[in-house]
Protein backbone atom coordinates (compact mmCIF):
# COMPACT_ATOMS: atom_id res chain seq x y z
CA UNK A 1 -39.48 -15.59 7.81
CA UNK A 2 -41.75 -13.77 10.20
CA UNK A 3 -44.55 -15.51 12.05
CA UNK A 4 -47.67 -13.45 11.60
CA UNK A 5 -49.97 -12.48 14.45
CA UNK A 6 -52.60 -14.75 12.92
CA UNK A 7 -50.24 -17.72 12.91
CA UNK A 8 -49.36 -17.11 16.55
CA UNK A 9 -53.03 -16.78 17.50
CA UNK A 10 -53.88 -20.06 15.80
CA UNK A 11 -50.81 -21.87 17.11
CA UNK A 12 -52.23 -25.01 18.68
CA UNK A 13 -49.41 -27.20 17.44
CA UNK A 14 -47.43 -27.51 20.65
CA UNK A 15 -46.73 -30.97 22.07
CA UNK A 16 -45.82 -31.45 25.71
CA UNK A 17 -43.02 -33.63 27.03
CA UNK A 18 -45.63 -35.97 28.54
CA UNK A 19 -47.48 -36.32 25.22
CA UNK A 20 -44.30 -37.05 23.26
CA UNK A 21 -43.08 -39.43 25.95
CA UNK A 22 -46.38 -41.34 25.74
CA UNK A 23 -46.18 -41.59 21.95
CA UNK A 24 -42.64 -42.97 22.14
CA UNK A 25 -43.62 -45.42 24.87
CA UNK A 26 -46.47 -46.63 22.67
CA UNK A 27 -44.03 -46.99 19.74
CA UNK A 28 -46.05 -44.60 17.58
CA UNK A 29 -44.54 -43.36 14.33
CA UNK A 30 -42.92 -40.07 15.33
CA UNK A 31 -40.44 -38.06 13.26
CA UNK A 32 -38.44 -35.78 15.58
CA UNK A 33 -36.52 -32.99 13.87
CA UNK A 34 -33.79 -31.33 15.94
CA UNK A 35 -32.98 -27.85 14.55
CA UNK A 36 -30.33 -26.80 17.09
CA UNK A 37 -26.72 -25.88 16.27
CA UNK A 38 -24.45 -28.90 15.91
CA UNK A 39 -22.49 -28.12 19.10
CA UNK A 40 -25.70 -28.27 21.15
CA UNK A 41 -26.75 -31.49 19.45
CA UNK A 42 -23.38 -33.07 20.30
CA UNK A 43 -23.96 -32.35 23.99
CA UNK A 44 -27.31 -34.15 24.27
CA UNK A 45 -30.23 -35.16 22.10
CA UNK A 46 -33.43 -37.17 21.79
CA UNK A 47 -32.39 -40.66 20.73
CA UNK A 48 -33.68 -41.50 17.25
CA UNK A 49 -34.21 -37.87 16.24
CA UNK A 50 -33.00 -36.41 12.96
CA UNK A 51 -30.85 -33.29 12.91
CA UNK A 52 -30.44 -30.30 10.64
CA UNK A 53 -28.33 -27.35 11.80
CA UNK A 54 -30.95 -24.77 10.86
CA UNK A 55 -30.88 -22.48 13.89
CA UNK A 56 -29.21 -19.50 12.21
CA UNK A 57 -31.24 -19.82 9.02
CA UNK A 58 -34.49 -20.03 10.94
CA UNK A 59 -33.60 -17.02 13.10
CA UNK A 60 -32.71 -15.09 9.94
CA UNK A 61 -36.08 -15.87 8.35
CA UNK A 62 -34.74 -18.17 5.63
CA UNK A 63 -37.78 -20.02 4.28
CA UNK A 64 -35.51 -22.58 2.57
CA UNK A 65 -33.96 -23.69 5.90
CA UNK A 66 -35.74 -27.05 5.93
CA UNK A 67 -36.05 -27.69 2.18
CA UNK A 68 -33.60 -30.61 2.22
CA UNK A 69 -35.30 -32.43 5.09
CA UNK A 70 -37.08 -35.60 3.95
CA UNK A 71 -40.24 -35.91 6.01
CA UNK A 72 -41.63 -39.48 6.04
CA UNK A 73 -45.30 -40.07 5.35
CA UNK A 74 -47.75 -41.03 8.09
CA UNK A 75 -45.57 -39.65 10.91
CA UNK A 76 -46.24 -37.23 13.71
CA UNK A 77 -43.62 -34.52 13.08
CA UNK A 78 -42.12 -32.85 16.16
CA UNK A 79 -39.55 -30.06 15.96
CA UNK A 80 -37.07 -29.54 18.80
CA UNK A 81 -34.65 -26.82 19.89
CA UNK A 82 -33.07 -25.77 23.18
CA UNK A 83 -36.04 -24.01 24.79
CA UNK A 84 -38.92 -24.35 22.31
CA UNK A 85 -38.70 -21.02 20.49
CA UNK A 86 -36.72 -21.73 17.33
CA UNK A 87 -38.52 -25.06 16.94
CA UNK A 88 -41.73 -23.02 16.85
CA UNK A 89 -40.40 -21.23 13.77
CA UNK A 90 -39.52 -24.59 12.25
CA UNK A 91 -42.99 -26.03 12.87
CA UNK A 92 -44.67 -22.98 11.33
CA UNK A 93 -42.41 -23.24 8.29
CA UNK A 94 -43.31 -26.93 7.88
CA UNK A 95 -47.00 -26.13 8.30
CA UNK A 96 -46.71 -23.57 5.52
CA UNK A 97 -45.49 -26.44 3.36
CA UNK A 98 -48.57 -28.47 4.21
CA UNK A 99 -46.88 -30.70 6.83
CA UNK A 100 -48.69 -31.36 10.11
CA UNK A 101 -45.88 -30.42 12.52
CA UNK A 102 -45.73 -29.79 16.27
CA UNK A 103 -43.12 -27.97 18.35
CA UNK A 104 -41.88 -29.58 21.58
CA UNK A 105 -43.04 -27.23 24.32
CA UNK A 106 -40.02 -26.17 26.39
CA UNK A 107 -37.51 -27.85 24.07
CA UNK A 108 -34.59 -29.90 25.37
CA UNK A 109 -34.69 -28.05 28.67
CA UNK A 110 -38.11 -29.59 29.30
CA UNK A 111 -37.17 -32.94 27.75
CA UNK A 112 -34.49 -33.20 30.44
CA UNK A 113 -37.15 -34.88 32.61
CA UNK A 114 -38.60 -37.29 30.06
CA UNK A 115 -38.17 -40.85 31.23
CA UNK A 116 -38.84 -44.48 30.42
CA UNK A 117 -38.23 -47.85 32.05
CA UNK A 118 -36.81 -51.32 31.49
CA UNK A 119 -36.92 -54.25 33.87
CA UNK A 120 -35.61 -57.67 34.77
CA UNK A 121 -36.49 -60.35 37.28
CA UNK A 122 -34.05 -62.36 39.34
CA UNK A 123 -35.04 -65.34 41.46
CA UNK A 124 -36.61 -63.34 44.27
CA UNK A 125 -36.53 -59.73 43.14
CA UNK A 126 -37.68 -57.46 40.33
CA UNK A 127 -35.42 -54.67 39.10
CA UNK A 128 -36.90 -51.64 37.34
CA UNK A 129 -34.42 -49.31 35.65
CA UNK A 130 -35.81 -45.76 35.46
CA UNK A 131 -34.03 -43.80 32.72
CA UNK A 132 -33.94 -40.06 32.15
CA UNK A 133 -33.82 -40.24 28.38
CA UNK A 134 -31.87 -37.09 27.48
CA UNK A 135 -29.06 -37.24 30.05
CA UNK A 136 -28.80 -41.02 30.23
CA UNK A 137 -29.26 -40.91 34.01
CA UNK A 138 -30.28 -44.28 35.44
CA UNK A 139 -31.97 -44.97 38.76
CA UNK A 140 -33.44 -48.18 40.11
CA UNK A 141 -36.32 -49.63 42.07
CA UNK A 142 -35.54 -53.10 43.38
CA UNK A 143 -38.56 -54.87 44.83
CA UNK A 144 -39.13 -58.15 46.64
CA UNK A 145 -42.29 -59.32 48.33
CA UNK A 146 -44.03 -56.14 49.44
CA UNK A 147 -40.92 -53.99 49.95
CA UNK A 148 -38.48 -52.09 47.76
CA UNK A 149 -35.38 -49.91 47.72
CA UNK A 150 -34.79 -46.95 45.38
CA UNK A 151 -31.21 -46.28 44.30
CA UNK A 152 -30.08 -42.90 42.91
CA UNK A 153 -33.46 -41.19 42.62
CA UNK A 154 -33.21 -38.61 39.83
CA UNK A 155 -36.84 -37.67 39.22
CA UNK A 156 -39.69 -36.32 41.30
CA UNK A 157 -40.82 -38.65 44.13
CA UNK A 158 -44.19 -39.36 42.53
CA UNK A 159 -42.49 -41.24 39.68
CA UNK A 160 -41.02 -43.80 42.09
CA UNK A 161 -44.06 -43.86 44.37
CA UNK A 162 -46.33 -44.65 41.42
CA UNK A 163 -44.08 -47.45 40.19
CA UNK A 164 -43.95 -48.88 43.71
CA UNK A 165 -47.75 -48.74 44.02
CA UNK A 166 -48.22 -50.45 40.66
CA UNK A 167 -46.05 -53.32 41.89
CA UNK A 168 -47.55 -53.55 45.38
CA UNK A 169 -44.37 -52.36 47.09
CA UNK A 170 -43.71 -50.08 50.03
CA UNK A 171 -40.40 -48.24 49.69
CA UNK A 172 -38.33 -49.31 52.70
CA UNK A 173 -34.98 -47.72 51.82
CA UNK A 174 -33.71 -44.94 49.58
CA UNK A 175 -30.01 -44.54 48.79
CA UNK A 176 -27.51 -42.68 46.64
CA UNK A 177 -24.41 -44.48 45.43
CA UNK A 178 -22.41 -41.24 45.82
CA UNK A 179 -22.66 -37.46 45.86
CA UNK A 180 -23.78 -36.79 42.30
CA UNK A 181 -22.36 -33.88 40.33
CA UNK A 182 -24.33 -33.96 37.08
CA UNK A 183 -27.87 -33.84 38.45
CA UNK A 184 -29.65 -32.77 41.60
CA UNK A 185 -30.41 -35.87 43.66
CA UNK A 186 -34.09 -36.37 44.55
CA UNK A 187 -33.31 -39.01 47.20
CA UNK A 188 -33.98 -36.71 50.16
CA UNK A 189 -37.27 -35.60 48.59
CA UNK A 190 -38.25 -39.24 48.09
CA UNK A 191 -37.28 -40.14 51.66
CA UNK A 192 -39.65 -37.47 52.97
CA UNK A 193 -42.46 -38.41 50.59
CA UNK A 194 -42.22 -42.16 51.20
CA UNK A 195 -41.16 -42.10 54.89
CA UNK A 196 -38.45 -44.57 53.86
CA UNK A 197 -35.12 -44.91 55.66
CA UNK A 198 -32.49 -42.78 53.93
CA UNK A 199 -29.20 -44.69 53.97
CA UNK A 200 -25.71 -43.57 52.93
CA UNK A 201 -22.20 -44.83 53.56
CA UNK A 202 -20.90 -43.89 57.00
CA UNK A 203 -18.76 -40.74 57.30
CA UNK A 204 -20.02 -39.35 53.98
CA UNK A 205 -19.16 -35.67 53.61
CA UNK A 206 -22.73 -34.37 53.60
CA UNK A 207 -24.53 -31.81 55.73
CA UNK A 208 -27.79 -33.66 56.37
CA UNK A 209 -28.88 -36.53 58.59
CA UNK A 210 -29.12 -40.09 57.27
CA UNK A 211 -28.86 -43.66 58.53
CA UNK A 212 -25.21 -44.73 58.10
CA UNK A 213 -24.35 -48.06 56.47
CA UNK A 214 -21.01 -49.88 56.43
CA UNK A 215 -18.98 -51.85 53.93
CA UNK A 216 -20.15 -55.46 54.08
CA UNK A 217 -23.50 -54.62 55.64
CA UNK A 218 -26.71 -56.07 54.17
CA UNK A 219 -29.90 -54.13 53.57
CA UNK A 220 -32.79 -56.57 53.88
CA UNK A 221 -36.16 -56.04 52.23
CA UNK A 222 -38.75 -58.57 51.19
CA UNK A 223 -37.00 -61.91 50.61
CA UNK A 224 -33.64 -60.47 49.53
CA UNK A 225 -30.76 -58.32 50.76
CA UNK A 226 -28.34 -55.94 49.09
CA UNK A 227 -24.70 -56.10 50.14
CA UNK A 228 -23.00 -52.73 50.63
CA UNK A 229 -19.60 -52.60 48.88
CA UNK A 230 -17.55 -49.46 49.48
CA UNK A 231 -16.00 -48.62 46.10
CA UNK A 232 -14.20 -45.26 46.50
CA UNK A 233 -12.38 -43.55 43.65
CA UNK A 234 -14.88 -41.67 41.55
CA UNK A 235 -15.77 -40.04 44.86
CA UNK A 236 -14.56 -41.00 48.31
CA UNK A 237 -17.99 -42.10 49.51
CA UNK A 238 -18.93 -44.12 46.39
CA UNK A 239 -20.65 -47.43 47.09
CA UNK A 240 -22.00 -50.30 45.03
CA UNK A 241 -24.90 -52.52 46.02
CA UNK A 242 -24.76 -56.25 45.19
CA UNK A 243 -27.89 -58.35 44.75
CA UNK A 244 -26.33 -61.80 45.19
CA UNK A 245 -24.90 -63.07 41.92
CA UNK A 246 -27.74 -61.50 39.93
CA UNK A 247 -26.72 -57.84 39.74
CA UNK A 248 -24.54 -55.10 41.14
CA UNK A 249 -25.53 -51.42 41.13
CA UNK A 250 -22.23 -49.64 40.52
CA UNK A 251 -23.19 -45.96 40.48
CA UNK A 252 -20.49 -44.00 38.63
CA UNK A 253 -17.69 -46.45 39.46
CA UNK A 254 -18.19 -48.81 36.52
CA UNK A 255 -20.24 -48.20 33.38
CA UNK A 256 -21.03 -50.50 30.47
CA UNK A 257 -18.58 -48.58 28.27
CA UNK A 258 -16.10 -46.99 30.67
CA UNK A 259 -15.25 -46.10 34.25
CA UNK A 260 -15.90 -43.14 36.55
CA UNK A 261 -13.62 -40.13 36.43
CA UNK A 262 -11.54 -39.84 39.63
CA UNK A 263 -10.68 -36.16 39.51
CA UNK A 264 -13.80 -34.11 40.14
CA UNK A 265 -13.12 -31.38 42.69
CA UNK A 266 -9.64 -32.82 43.33
CA UNK A 267 -6.14 -31.32 42.97
CA UNK A 268 -3.55 -33.38 41.00
CA UNK A 269 -2.20 -35.23 44.06
CA UNK A 270 -5.69 -36.01 45.27
CA UNK A 271 -6.66 -37.18 41.76
CA UNK A 272 -3.79 -39.70 41.82
CA UNK A 273 -4.90 -40.96 45.21
CA UNK A 274 -8.43 -41.35 43.89
CA UNK A 275 -7.12 -43.19 40.83
CA UNK A 276 -5.38 -45.67 43.13
CA UNK A 277 -8.59 -46.17 45.08
CA UNK A 278 -10.62 -46.49 41.89
CA UNK A 279 -8.24 -49.16 40.59
CA UNK A 280 -8.73 -51.22 43.74
CA UNK A 281 -12.50 -50.74 43.66
CA UNK A 282 -12.67 -51.90 40.05
CA UNK A 283 -10.52 -54.90 40.89
CA UNK A 284 -12.97 -55.76 43.67
CA UNK A 285 -15.92 -55.55 41.30
CA UNK A 286 -14.09 -57.54 38.62
CA UNK A 287 -13.80 -60.45 41.04
CA UNK A 288 -17.55 -60.82 41.43
CA UNK A 289 -19.27 -63.76 39.75
CA UNK A 290 -18.72 -63.42 35.98
CA UNK A 291 -22.46 -63.62 35.32
CA UNK A 292 -23.28 -60.70 37.64
CA UNK A 293 -25.05 -57.94 35.72
CA UNK A 294 -23.48 -54.48 36.12
CA UNK A 295 -26.18 -51.81 36.38
CA UNK A 296 -24.62 -48.32 36.40
CA UNK A 297 -26.00 -44.88 37.22
CA UNK A 298 -25.45 -43.55 33.70
CA UNK A 299 -25.50 -44.38 30.03
CA UNK A 300 -23.02 -42.48 27.87
CA UNK A 301 -25.66 -41.48 25.31
CA UNK A 302 -29.34 -40.61 25.17
CA UNK A 303 -31.60 -43.51 26.11
CA UNK A 304 -34.06 -44.84 23.51
CA UNK A 305 -37.63 -45.84 24.35
CA UNK A 306 -36.89 -49.51 23.68
CA UNK A 307 -37.48 -51.08 27.12
CA UNK A 308 -34.07 -52.80 26.90
CA UNK A 309 -32.09 -52.82 30.14
CA UNK A 310 -28.79 -50.94 30.05
CA UNK A 311 -26.28 -53.28 31.66
CA UNK A 312 -23.58 -55.84 30.96
CA UNK A 313 -22.13 -58.81 32.82
CA UNK A 314 -18.81 -58.72 34.62
CA UNK A 315 -17.49 -61.22 32.07
CA UNK A 316 -18.51 -59.01 29.15
CA UNK A 317 -16.94 -55.89 30.64
CA UNK A 318 -13.67 -57.64 31.47
CA UNK A 319 -13.42 -58.63 27.81
CA UNK A 320 -14.63 -55.28 26.50
CA UNK A 321 -12.81 -52.75 28.68
CA UNK A 322 -9.03 -52.83 28.46
CA UNK A 323 -8.84 -50.52 31.46
CA UNK A 324 -10.03 -53.41 33.67
CA UNK A 325 -7.02 -55.48 32.61
CA UNK A 326 -4.34 -52.83 33.22
CA UNK A 327 -1.70 -52.84 35.93
CA UNK A 328 -2.12 -50.20 38.62
CA UNK A 329 0.70 -48.04 37.21
CA UNK A 330 -0.74 -48.16 33.69
CA UNK A 331 -4.22 -47.51 35.05
CA UNK A 332 -3.12 -44.31 36.84
CA UNK A 333 -1.33 -43.06 33.72
CA UNK A 334 -4.35 -43.87 31.58
CA UNK A 335 -6.87 -42.09 33.81
CA UNK A 336 -4.62 -39.03 34.10
CA UNK A 337 -4.43 -38.78 30.29
CA UNK A 338 -8.15 -39.22 29.69
CA UNK A 339 -9.76 -36.89 32.22
CA UNK A 340 -12.05 -34.37 30.46
CA UNK A 341 -12.56 -30.79 31.64
CA UNK A 342 -14.91 -30.36 34.60
CA UNK A 343 -18.18 -28.63 33.56
CA UNK A 344 -18.71 -25.53 35.76
CA UNK A 345 -22.21 -26.57 36.80
CA UNK A 346 -20.88 -29.84 38.28
CA UNK A 347 -19.25 -28.05 41.18
CA UNK A 348 -22.50 -26.23 41.99
CA UNK A 349 -24.60 -29.40 41.73
CA UNK A 350 -22.18 -31.39 43.90
CA UNK A 351 -22.28 -28.64 46.54
CA UNK A 352 -26.09 -28.67 46.56
CA UNK A 353 -26.20 -32.46 46.84
CA UNK A 354 -23.71 -32.30 49.69
CA UNK A 355 -25.87 -29.85 51.64
CA UNK A 356 -29.02 -31.78 50.73
CA UNK A 357 -31.04 -28.81 49.48
CA UNK A 358 -31.45 -26.99 46.20
CA UNK A 359 -33.55 -24.16 47.65
CA UNK A 360 -33.20 -21.04 45.50
CA UNK A 361 -32.08 -23.01 42.43
CA UNK A 362 -34.02 -24.38 39.48
CA UNK A 363 -32.65 -27.90 38.80
CA UNK A 364 -33.57 -27.71 35.11
CA UNK A 365 -31.22 -24.75 34.67
CA UNK A 366 -28.35 -26.55 36.39
CA UNK A 367 -28.82 -29.92 34.75
CA UNK A 368 -29.05 -28.98 31.06
CA UNK A 369 -26.64 -30.90 28.88
CA UNK A 370 -25.15 -34.39 28.84
CA UNK A 371 -23.22 -36.10 31.61
CA UNK A 372 -19.43 -36.07 31.84
CA UNK A 373 -18.72 -38.47 34.69
CA UNK A 374 -17.03 -41.19 32.65
CA UNK A 375 -13.65 -42.02 31.18
CA UNK A 376 -14.08 -44.13 28.06
């Protein structure tokens, strides 16, 4: 199947990430058709999309490649591939069949930065969970009165600044829970753009200046304060932030369906030491009030546009996750047996986050793909 020059000239059926994001936020009827190879689909996807492994057929010009796909009536049809080229072939093929189809401009590489939100209110604070939909990366704005803190910024500063403005907040603090390895942190960018105080746990192994905070310290803003809890293990500098008995922001230490991997960038002996530290950190978190909501820095899958907060109470996780009920010896054996291979880009991303600059790199190229920070 060759696209003719005329078809290319008249190709106005591209849809941008922002346009698709808006349609999903508005709950419009959208049929998203992913035509990538299955191995790419398994790595990351758009939640709710349909999949047909048609990449090779489309590239070979097979006009029957999408014949078995059932397209629902009254839907906006959007085709998706890795970078937006093969999906263009798919959209043209569907248009030849009389279907009004669009190709996602830039493909999954561009969709990497699509985002949506969910929120909750505690007695004196409002929590907004900002979710990068494809990677399942979660960051937070916690606001009280006229002030706010941003935890684990993962998008451009303007995203957080706009949300803060809409809620009448000034960003007082910005913080990372740890040195991230699966995405380039935007916390330093946000600190500069917002003139907020950039805090990090004392003695963190980074090459930039920040305001050090200590275990047990409280960060006060508005009418509330976050308690700093040093929870090493996933990384040595990992911290959690507790908002009273309402919520705890656990970074990559504790997820709603697993725990953080303790091995990244570590030799076997160091990995065991980190496992011991992670066990103790998880025990510390497990002893928080059972109704405390755990809000992690990641989801294990793509995030839907459903406005439902990704989190679970301490009580729920203690019942759900056997790993939280293990002895220390069993825990170390379990983590050692479950550690997945380290993706090559993680070492590069961690190094950039440690130096506090990604000059000379394009984050989208480094960040493509799902996250692999958890042990299920």
